[in-house]
Amino acid sequence: MTRVISVSARTLAAATLFFAVAILQPIAAAAQELPRVAPAEAGFVPGRLDRIGAALEDYVAEGSLPGAVVAVLRDGAVVYEEAVGYSDVEGGRRIEVDAIFRIASQTKAVVSVAVMMLQEDGALLISDPLGRYLPAFSETTVAVPGENGGYDIVPADRPITIRDLLTHTAGISYGYGPGGDRWSEAGITGWYFAHLDEPVRATVDRMAALPFQAQPGARFVYGYATDILGALVEEVSGLPLDEFLRARLFEPLDMRDTHFYLPPGKTDRLAVVYGHDGPGSLSRAAEGPGMDTQGQYVDGPRKSLSGGAGLLSTARDYARFLQMMLNGGHLGDARILSPASVALMTANHIGDLMGSGVGFGLGFQVRLDLGAAGQLGSEGDYGWGGAYHTTYWVDPAERLVVVYFTQLRANLPVDDHAKVRALVYGALAN
């Protein structure tokens, strides 16, 4: 008599993952540092990249920045890496190139890659309705301005898809806009989850009952979409988000300092966050629940794994992640995605909803028109940034990866992002 054993898709996915971990661990152990070459060997004018560090030192001296780390890669090699300023201004601690930063919304690109990995596993399709995996989202609502002020709540025109979340066209903000009072009443405000004493799935399930700010597919609305994707990864893989990312992404890419919460022994490398209202007015960021406190990333509660804004990382680690993308989905022997998935992620999916010569792919902003954007770069370059004034971009045409990390919550704009971009491209000779 033949015995039939039923295995759930979730259990199968988890088993597949652990098999993948077993065969990938030797790859992680054998991972090598990216090569380093002199700028002139990589097509830069000798000495010009040094202008980046000099410019950043000026920002530190005038009190516009506490400190920063910048890394420039070309053709897979590090051509420039510099740390300037302070990791802790009051303590007089100089920043080092291995400083750990809050990368906030730069987490979104990582989790978007995780979703594409699950599609390549055959575990989901990005065209699937979200409610197939997270039933709380099977039927959603939208808050629309009322004729006499206030707002009305109406049913969504159609189900939200996974692709809507990846492109930020699901209509889900960070709780602002019509219906924002409902979000405040539910205790879901801001983008910062590290202080929450509950798993992110519980938070996400509460979101599903709240009114969203636009109909699915109608507008680019930046918000909690990737936090929901993080919960989706957990549901489909059967693993907590941190375990999935560690096994399938961080260990294969040797991203050894990328975490949701700091392990023991790394706390002294976490850069202190500062705010300011103008040059010369740096102030240590406020402490307390939901603020920028150091302790929440060290002492806990360590329960909320925010797929939209929760990761900590170093410039080295994030550069390895981006180099994988530039390579078409692999770094060394570690194959993370297929070239087809990378191409889909870095294509524009939203038409002209963003304007200004840029569009959005699956987790990345994409440059469409160099003149309309008005910045140095290349059509087809892609990137994003984080709430702590971090930024990055990948330029396939120039074979460039640039990572710029700092630790600033500024009330007034600082033009260092544009300055770094101008100095990188101004250093290219060919």
Protein backbone atom coordinates (compact mmCIF):
# COMPACT_ATOMS: atom_id res chain seq x y z
CA MET A 1 0.00 0.00 0.00
CA THR A 2 1.41 3.39 -1.00
CA ARG A 3 1.24 6.11 1.61
CA VAL A 4 0.63 9.66 0.30
CA ILE A 5 2.18 12.45 2.31
CA SER A 6 0.74 15.94 1.88
CA VAL A 7 3.23 18.77 2.10
CA SER A 8 2.08 22.40 2.20
CA ALA A 9 3.57 24.92 -0.20
CA ARG A 10 4.84 26.89 2.78
CA THR A 11 6.62 23.87 4.25
CA LEU A 12 8.09 23.03 0.86
CA ALA A 13 9.33 26.58 0.44
CA ALA A 14 11.02 26.50 3.83
CA ALA A 15 12.61 23.13 3.07
CA THR A 16 13.87 24.46 -0.25
CA LEU A 17 15.32 27.47 1.52
CA PHE A 18 17.20 25.43 4.07
CA PHE A 19 18.61 23.25 1.28
CA ALA A 20 19.72 26.44 -0.45
CA VAL A 21 21.39 27.60 2.76
CA ALA A 22 23.32 24.34 3.01
CA ILE A 23 24.81 24.69 -0.44
CA LEU A 24 25.32 28.45 -0.25
CA GLN A 25 27.21 28.55 3.04
CA PRO A 26 30.50 27.48 1.41
CA ILE A 27 30.04 30.26 -1.13
CA ALA A 28 29.61 32.83 1.65
CA ALA A 29 32.67 31.51 3.45
CA ALA A 30 34.71 31.73 0.27
CA ALA A 31 33.51 35.23 -0.63
CA GLN A 32 36.28 37.65 -1.51
CA GLU A 33 36.56 41.38 -1.05
CA LEU A 34 35.93 43.46 -4.12
CA PRO A 35 39.17 44.34 -5.90
CA ARG A 36 40.65 47.81 -5.55
CA VAL A 37 42.26 49.72 -8.38
CA ALA A 38 43.71 53.19 -8.80
CA PRO A 39 41.16 55.65 -10.22
CA ALA A 40 43.30 56.25 -13.33
CA GLU A 41 43.17 52.53 -14.15
CA ALA A 42 39.36 52.69 -14.05
CA GLY A 43 39.00 55.69 -16.35
CA PHE A 44 39.05 58.59 -13.88
CA VAL A 45 41.21 61.70 -14.06
CA PRO A 46 43.93 61.28 -11.39
CA GLY A 47 43.19 63.28 -8.25
CA ARG A 48 39.68 64.35 -9.14
CA LEU A 49 37.84 61.85 -6.96
CA ASP A 50 39.74 63.30 -3.99
CA ARG A 51 37.57 66.39 -4.41
CA ILE A 52 34.68 64.39 -2.90
CA GLY A 53 36.38 64.01 0.46
CA ALA A 54 37.46 67.64 0.46
CA ALA A 55 33.91 68.81 -0.24
CA LEU A 56 32.48 66.60 2.50
CA GLU A 57 35.08 67.89 4.97
CA ASP A 58 33.78 71.39 4.24
CA TYR A 59 30.22 70.31 5.09
CA VAL A 60 31.49 68.81 8.37
CA ALA A 61 33.50 71.95 9.21
CA GLU A 62 30.51 74.23 8.70
CA GLY A 63 28.23 71.99 10.77
CA SER A 64 25.99 70.81 7.94
CA LEU A 65 27.02 67.16 8.30
CA PRO A 66 28.26 65.16 11.29
CA GLY A 67 30.11 62.63 9.13
CA ALA A 68 29.84 60.49 6.01
CA VAL A 69 31.23 57.51 4.14
CA VAL A 70 31.33 57.39 0.35
CA ALA A 71 32.32 54.53 -1.93
CA VAL A 72 32.70 54.58 -5.72
CA LEU A 73 33.01 51.40 -7.76
CA ARG A 74 33.65 50.97 -11.47
CA ASP A 75 33.80 47.70 -13.38
CA GLY A 76 33.34 45.86 -10.09
CA ALA A 77 36.38 47.38 -8.39
CA VAL A 78 36.55 49.95 -5.59
CA VAL A 79 38.20 53.07 -6.94
CA TYR A 80 37.41 55.44 -4.09
CA GLU A 81 36.42 54.97 -0.44
CA GLU A 82 36.55 57.71 2.14
CA ALA A 83 35.22 58.45 5.62
CA VAL A 84 35.01 62.04 6.87
CA GLY A 85 33.78 63.65 10.05
CA TYR A 86 32.39 62.02 13.16
CA SER A 87 30.35 59.00 14.10
CA ASP A 88 29.72 60.67 17.48
CA VAL A 89 30.34 64.41 17.50
CA GLU A 90 30.01 64.92 21.26
CA GLY A 91 32.20 61.92 22.01
CA GLY A 92 34.82 63.00 19.48
CA ARG A 93 34.67 59.62 17.76
CA ARG A 94 35.84 59.86 14.16
CA ILE A 95 33.88 57.94 11.59
CA GLU A 96 35.46 54.91 9.94
CA VAL A 97 34.70 53.27 6.59
CA ASP A 98 33.14 50.31 8.42
CA ALA A 99 30.66 52.50 10.33
CA ILE A 100 27.14 51.08 10.54
CA PHE A 101 24.30 53.35 9.45
CA ARG A 102 20.53 53.28 9.56
CA ILE A 103 19.68 52.92 5.89
CA ALA A 104 15.90 53.33 6.33
CA SER A 105 14.21 53.22 2.89
CA GLN A 106 17.26 51.66 1.28
CA THR A 107 15.82 48.53 2.89
CA LYS A 108 13.13 48.64 0.19
CA ALA A 109 15.48 47.62 -2.62
CA VAL A 110 16.68 44.62 -0.58
CA VAL A 111 13.16 43.39 0.15
CA SER A 112 12.09 43.98 -3.45
CA VAL A 113 14.92 41.69 -4.53
CA ALA A 114 13.66 39.10 -2.03
CA VAL A 115 10.22 39.18 -3.66
CA MET A 116 11.76 38.65 -7.10
CA MET A 117 13.75 35.71 -5.73
CA LEU A 118 10.50 34.13 -4.60
CA GLN A 119 9.06 34.63 -8.07
CA GLU A 120 12.11 32.87 -9.53
CA ASP A 121 11.52 30.07 -6.98
CA GLY A 122 8.01 29.64 -8.43
CA ALA A 123 6.47 30.55 -5.06
CA LEU A 124 4.53 33.57 -6.36
CA LEU A 125 3.98 35.84 -9.35
CA ILE A 126 4.19 39.60 -8.98
CA SER A 127 0.93 39.83 -10.94
CA ASP A 128 -0.83 37.88 -8.16
CA PRO A 129 -3.35 39.65 -5.95
CA LEU A 130 -1.87 40.37 -2.54
CA GLY A 131 -4.92 38.88 -0.84
CA ARG A 132 -3.99 35.43 -2.11
CA TYR A 133 -1.17 35.39 0.44
CA LEU A 134 -2.28 37.99 3.00
CA PRO A 135 -6.07 37.48 3.24
CA ALA A 136 -6.61 40.69 5.21
CA PHE A 137 -5.95 42.55 1.93
CA SER A 138 -8.51 40.65 -0.14
CA GLU A 139 -10.88 43.62 0.01
CA THR A 140 -9.58 47.12 0.70
CA THR A 141 -10.98 50.64 0.80
CA VAL A 142 -9.92 54.11 -0.31
CA ALA A 143 -10.54 57.49 1.33
CA VAL A 144 -11.64 60.12 -1.20
CA PRO A 145 -12.22 63.83 -0.51
CA GLY A 146 -15.87 64.56 0.24
CA GLU A 147 -17.91 67.19 -1.58
CA ASN A 148 -18.38 69.23 1.60
CA GLY A 149 -15.01 68.65 3.14
CA GLY A 150 -13.80 65.62 5.01
CA TYR A 151 -13.66 62.35 3.14
CA ASP A 152 -15.72 59.38 2.10
CA ILE A 153 -14.59 55.75 2.20
CA VAL A 154 -15.24 53.72 -0.94
CA PRO A 155 -14.29 50.18 -2.01
CA ALA A 156 -11.10 49.76 -4.04
CA ASP A 157 -11.73 49.43 -7.79
CA ARG A 158 -9.68 46.25 -7.97
CA PRO A 159 -7.46 44.04 -5.79
CA ILE A 160 -3.97 45.25 -4.96
CA THR A 161 -1.29 43.19 -6.69
CA ILE A 162 2.25 42.45 -5.57
CA ARG A 163 3.48 44.54 -8.49
CA ASP A 164 1.45 47.51 -7.20
CA LEU A 165 3.42 47.28 -3.96
CA LEU A 166 6.77 46.99 -5.73
CA THR A 167 6.05 50.11 -7.79
CA HIS A 168 4.40 52.13 -4.98
CA THR A 169 1.17 52.36 -6.95
CA ALA A 170 -0.98 50.45 -4.43
CA GLY A 171 -2.28 53.77 -3.07
CA ILE A 172 -0.84 53.22 0.42
CA SER A 173 0.87 56.22 2.00
CA TYR A 174 2.62 56.61 5.34
CA GLY A 175 -0.75 57.43 6.88
CA TYR A 176 -1.04 60.94 5.49
CA GLY A 177 -3.77 62.30 3.22
CA PRO A 178 -7.51 61.56 3.36
CA GLY A 179 -8.27 59.07 6.11
CA GLY A 180 -5.05 59.85 7.96
CA ASP A 181 -6.97 60.24 11.23
CA ARG A 182 -7.94 56.55 11.05
CA TRP A 183 -4.27 55.61 10.79
CA SER A 184 -3.40 57.73 13.82
CA GLU A 185 -6.22 56.15 15.81
CA ALA A 186 -4.85 52.72 14.88
CA GLY A 187 -1.43 53.72 16.21
CA ILE A 188 0.28 53.47 12.81
CA THR A 189 2.14 56.68 12.11
CA GLY A 190 5.50 57.50 10.56
CA TRP A 191 7.80 54.98 8.94
CA TYR A 192 9.75 53.97 12.04
CA PHE A 193 8.91 50.51 13.49
CA ALA A 194 11.97 49.55 15.56
CA HIS A 195 10.21 50.48 18.83
CA LEU A 196 7.13 48.33 18.22
CA ASP A 197 6.62 45.39 20.55
CA GLU A 198 4.91 43.22 17.92
CA PRO A 199 5.83 41.39 14.70
CA VAL A 200 5.46 43.43 11.55
CA ARG A 201 2.75 41.04 10.30
CA ALA A 202 0.47 42.19 13.13
CA THR A 203 1.04 45.83 12.17
CA VAL A 204 0.48 45.10 8.48
CA ASP A 205 -2.75 43.21 9.12
CA ARG A 206 -4.10 46.26 10.98
CA MET A 207 -3.24 48.41 7.97
CA ALA A 208 -5.49 46.32 5.74
CA ALA A 209 -8.62 47.53 7.56
CA LEU A 210 -7.69 51.22 7.15
CA PRO A 211 -8.62 53.42 4.16
CA PHE A 212 -5.85 53.90 1.62
CA GLN A 213 -5.09 57.16 -0.16
CA ALA A 214 -5.55 56.26 -3.84
CA GLN A 215 -7.05 53.55 -6.01
CA PRO A 216 -4.66 50.73 -6.97
CA GLY A 217 -2.60 51.72 -10.01
CA ALA A 218 -3.83 55.31 -10.13
CA ARG A 219 -0.93 57.22 -8.58
CA PHE A 220 2.59 56.90 -7.23
CA VAL A 221 2.04 57.01 -3.46
CA TYR A 222 5.09 56.42 -1.29
CA GLY A 223 4.47 54.63 1.98
CA TYR A 224 4.13 51.27 3.70
CA ALA A 225 4.07 49.16 0.53
CA THR A 226 7.42 47.49 1.16
CA ASP A 227 6.64 46.80 4.81
CA ILE A 228 3.71 44.80 3.47
CA LEU A 229 6.08 43.06 1.05
CA GLY A 230 8.25 42.08 4.02
CA ALA A 231 5.23 40.39 5.61
CA LEU A 232 4.55 38.72 2.25
CA VAL A 233 8.09 37.29 2.15
CA GLU A 234 7.57 35.84 5.62
CA GLU A 235 4.24 34.28 4.66
CA VAL A 236 5.42 32.74 1.40
CA SER A 237 8.81 31.53 2.64
CA GLY A 238 7.64 30.39 6.06
CA LEU A 239 10.58 32.20 7.68
CA PRO A 240 11.04 35.48 9.56
CA LEU A 241 12.25 38.19 7.23
CA ASP A 242 15.66 38.46 8.86
CA GLU A 243 16.30 34.73 8.48
CA PHE A 244 15.22 34.71 4.85
CA LEU A 245 17.43 37.67 3.96
CA ARG A 246 20.40 36.30 5.85
CA ALA A 247 20.22 32.90 4.19
CA ARG A 248 19.34 33.91 0.66
CA LEU A 249 21.01 37.30 0.30
CA PHE A 250 23.34 38.50 3.04
CA GLU A 251 25.42 35.35 3.50
CA PRO A 252 25.81 34.58 -0.23
CA LEU A 253 26.86 38.21 -0.87
CA ASP A 254 29.03 38.35 2.28
CA MET A 255 27.03 41.32 3.62
CA ARG A 256 28.41 40.65 7.08
CA ASP A 257 27.27 43.89 8.76
CA THR A 258 23.68 44.17 7.52
CA HIS A 259 21.09 43.58 10.26
CA PHE A 260 17.69 44.69 11.51
CA TYR A 261 19.07 44.91 15.06
CA LEU A 262 22.71 45.08 16.08
CA PRO A 263 24.39 41.93 17.38
CA PRO A 264 26.66 42.22 20.43
CA GLY A 265 30.05 43.64 19.64
CA LYS A 266 28.95 46.06 16.92
CA THR A 267 27.24 48.78 18.95
CA ASP A 268 30.29 51.06 18.96
CA ARG A 269 30.19 51.18 15.15
CA LEU A 270 26.61 52.52 14.93
CA ALA A 271 26.68 56.14 13.77
CA VAL A 272 24.76 58.55 15.99
CA VAL A 273 21.90 60.36 14.23
CA TYR A 274 21.81 64.16 14.17
CA GLY A 275 19.35 66.80 13.10
CA HIS A 276 19.81 70.44 12.21
CA ASP A 277 17.92 73.53 11.11
CA GLY A 278 20.80 75.02 9.14
CA PRO A 279 24.61 75.16 8.96
CA GLY A 280 26.31 75.05 12.32
CA SER A 281 23.25 73.83 14.24
CA LEU A 282 23.80 70.08 14.51
CA SER A 283 21.95 68.49 17.41
CA ARG A 284 21.82 64.89 18.60
CA ALA A 285 18.51 63.32 17.55
CA ALA A 286 15.82 62.93 20.20
CA GLU A 287 15.59 59.77 22.27
CA GLY A 288 12.45 57.81 23.07
CA PRO A 289 9.94 55.37 21.53
CA GLY A 290 9.50 56.00 17.83
CA MET A 291 12.41 58.44 17.74
CA ASP A 292 15.97 57.96 16.54
CA THR A 293 17.36 56.50 19.73
CA GLN A 294 20.42 54.29 19.63
CA GLY A 295 18.93 51.83 22.11
CA GLN A 296 16.06 50.57 19.98
CA TYR A 297 18.49 49.04 17.51
CA VAL A 298 20.51 47.50 20.33
CA ASP A 299 18.24 46.57 23.23
CA GLY A 300 14.95 45.94 21.50
CA PRO A 301 12.17 45.05 21.57
CA ARG A 302 13.71 43.43 18.44
CA LYS A 303 10.34 42.21 17.18
CA SER A 304 9.41 44.41 14.23
CA LEU A 305 11.33 43.54 11.05
CA SER A 306 10.43 46.50 8.87
CA GLY A 307 10.81 45.63 5.20
CA GLY A 308 10.37 49.28 4.31
CA ALA A 309 12.87 50.98 6.59
CA GLY A 310 14.40 48.67 9.17
CA LEU A 311 17.90 47.69 8.07
CA LEU A 312 21.29 48.81 9.29
CA SER A 313 24.28 48.42 6.98
CA THR A 314 27.71 49.62 5.92
CA ALA A 315 28.79 51.26 2.68
CA ARG A 316 30.83 48.12 1.92
CA ASP A 317 27.87 45.77 2.31
CA TYR A 318 25.46 47.90 0.32
CA ALA A 319 28.00 48.34 -2.45
CA ARG A 320 28.22 44.54 -2.74
CA PHE A 321 24.44 44.34 -3.02
CA LEU A 322 24.39 46.99 -5.76
CA GLN A 323 27.31 45.42 -7.61
CA MET A 324 25.28 42.21 -7.73
CA MET A 325 22.50 44.17 -9.43
CA LEU A 326 24.91 45.82 -11.89
CA ASN A 327 26.35 42.38 -12.70
CA GLY A 328 22.93 41.15 -13.76
CA GLY A 329 22.08 39.32 -10.53
CA HIS A 330 25.33 37.72 -9.37
CA LEU A 331 28.46 38.54 -7.42
CA GLY A 332 31.32 36.10 -7.74
CA ASP A 333 29.86 32.61 -7.50
CA ALA A 334 26.66 33.76 -5.78
CA ARG A 335 23.72 33.93 -8.20
CA ILE A 336 20.89 35.91 -6.56
CA LEU A 337 18.67 36.80 -9.54
CA SER A 338 18.56 36.15 -13.23
CA PRO A 339 19.52 38.94 -15.65
CA ALA A 340 15.88 38.98 -16.81
CA SER A 341 14.65 39.79 -13.30
CA VAL A 342 17.23 42.56 -12.89
CA ALA A 343 16.17 44.04 -16.23
CA LEU A 344 12.52 44.00 -15.16
CA MET A 345 13.30 45.59 -11.80
CA THR A 346 15.23 48.46 -13.38
CA ALA A 347 12.71 49.26 -16.13
CA ASN A 348 10.09 51.98 -15.66
CA HIS A 349 6.70 50.51 -14.72
CA ILE A 350 4.68 53.65 -13.97
CA GLY A 351 4.70 55.79 -17.12
CA ASP A 352 5.05 59.48 -16.26
CA LEU A 353 3.44 59.33 -12.81
CA MET A 354 6.60 60.73 -11.17
CA GLY A 355 7.50 63.33 -13.82
CA SER A 356 10.83 65.24 -13.83
CA GLY A 357 12.43 62.74 -16.20
CA VAL A 358 12.27 59.80 -13.79
CA GLY A 359 10.12 56.72 -13.36
CA PHE A 360 9.99 53.80 -10.97
CA GLY A 361 10.70 50.12 -11.41
CA LEU A 362 10.38 47.30 -8.89
CA GLY A 363 12.05 48.90 -5.88
CA PHE A 364 14.20 51.48 -7.68
CA GLN A 365 13.75 54.94 -9.17
CA VAL A 366 14.87 54.93 -12.81
CA ARG A 367 16.18 57.87 -14.87
CA LEU A 368 14.29 58.24 -18.15
CA ASP A 369 15.31 61.61 -19.55
CA LEU A 370 18.66 63.18 -18.69
CA GLY A 371 17.61 66.70 -19.66
CA ALA A 372 14.32 66.62 -17.82
CA ALA A 373 16.02 65.28 -14.69
CA GLY A 374 18.65 68.01 -14.86
CA GLN A 375 21.41 66.05 -13.13
CA LEU A 376 24.61 64.42 -14.25
CA GLY A 377 24.16 60.74 -14.86
CA SER A 378 22.92 58.44 -17.61
CA GLU A 379 19.54 57.45 -18.91
CA GLY A 380 18.81 54.12 -17.27
CA ASP A 381 20.67 54.76 -14.03
CA TYR A 382 18.69 53.74 -10.95
CA GLY A 383 18.74 54.24 -7.21
CA TRP A 384 16.97 55.67 -4.18
CA GLY A 385 17.82 56.90 -0.69
CA GLY A 386 16.86 56.80 2.97
CA ALA A 387 15.34 59.06 5.60
CA TYR A 388 18.71 59.55 7.31
CA HIS A 389 20.02 61.39 4.24
CA THR A 390 21.67 58.34 2.69
CA THR A 391 21.62 57.76 -1.06
CA TYR A 392 22.97 55.47 -3.77
CA TRP A 393 22.81 54.91 -7.49
CA VAL A 394 23.86 52.41 -10.13
CA ASP A 395 24.79 53.59 -13.63
CA PRO A 396 24.93 50.64 -16.06
CA ALA A 397 26.07 52.85 -18.96
CA GLU A 398 29.13 54.00 -17.02
CA ARG A 399 29.50 50.71 -15.09
CA LEU A 400 29.33 52.68 -11.83
CA VAL A 401 28.10 52.03 -8.31
CA VAL A 402 28.04 54.92 -5.83
CA VAL A 403 27.08 54.62 -2.15
CA TYR A 404 26.86 57.68 0.10
CA PHE A 405 26.00 57.14 3.78
CA THR A 406 25.53 59.76 6.46
CA GLN A 407 23.37 60.11 9.60
CA LEU A 408 21.29 63.26 9.31
CA ARG A 409 17.64 64.19 9.80
CA ALA A 410 17.72 67.69 8.34
CA ASN A 411 14.86 70.21 8.50
CA LEU A 412 16.50 72.20 5.70
CA PRO A 413 17.93 70.74 2.48
CA VAL A 414 21.65 70.09 2.19
CA ASP A 415 23.08 69.96 -1.35
CA ASP A 416 25.72 67.30 -0.62
CA HIS A 417 23.89 64.64 -2.69
CA ALA A 418 24.06 66.76 -5.81
CA LYS A 419 27.65 67.73 -5.01
CA VAL A 420 28.79 64.11 -4.70
CA ARG A 421 27.07 63.22 -7.99
CA ALA A 422 28.67 66.16 -9.78
CA LEU A 423 32.14 65.30 -8.46
CA VAL A 424 31.87 61.62 -9.41
CA TYR A 425 30.88 62.33 -13.00
CA GLY A 426 33.27 65.28 -13.20
CA ALA A 427 36.12 62.87 -12.44
CA LEU A 428 35.40 60.53 -15.36
CA ALA A 429 37.90 60.65 -18.22
CA ASN A 430 36.38 57.93 -20.37
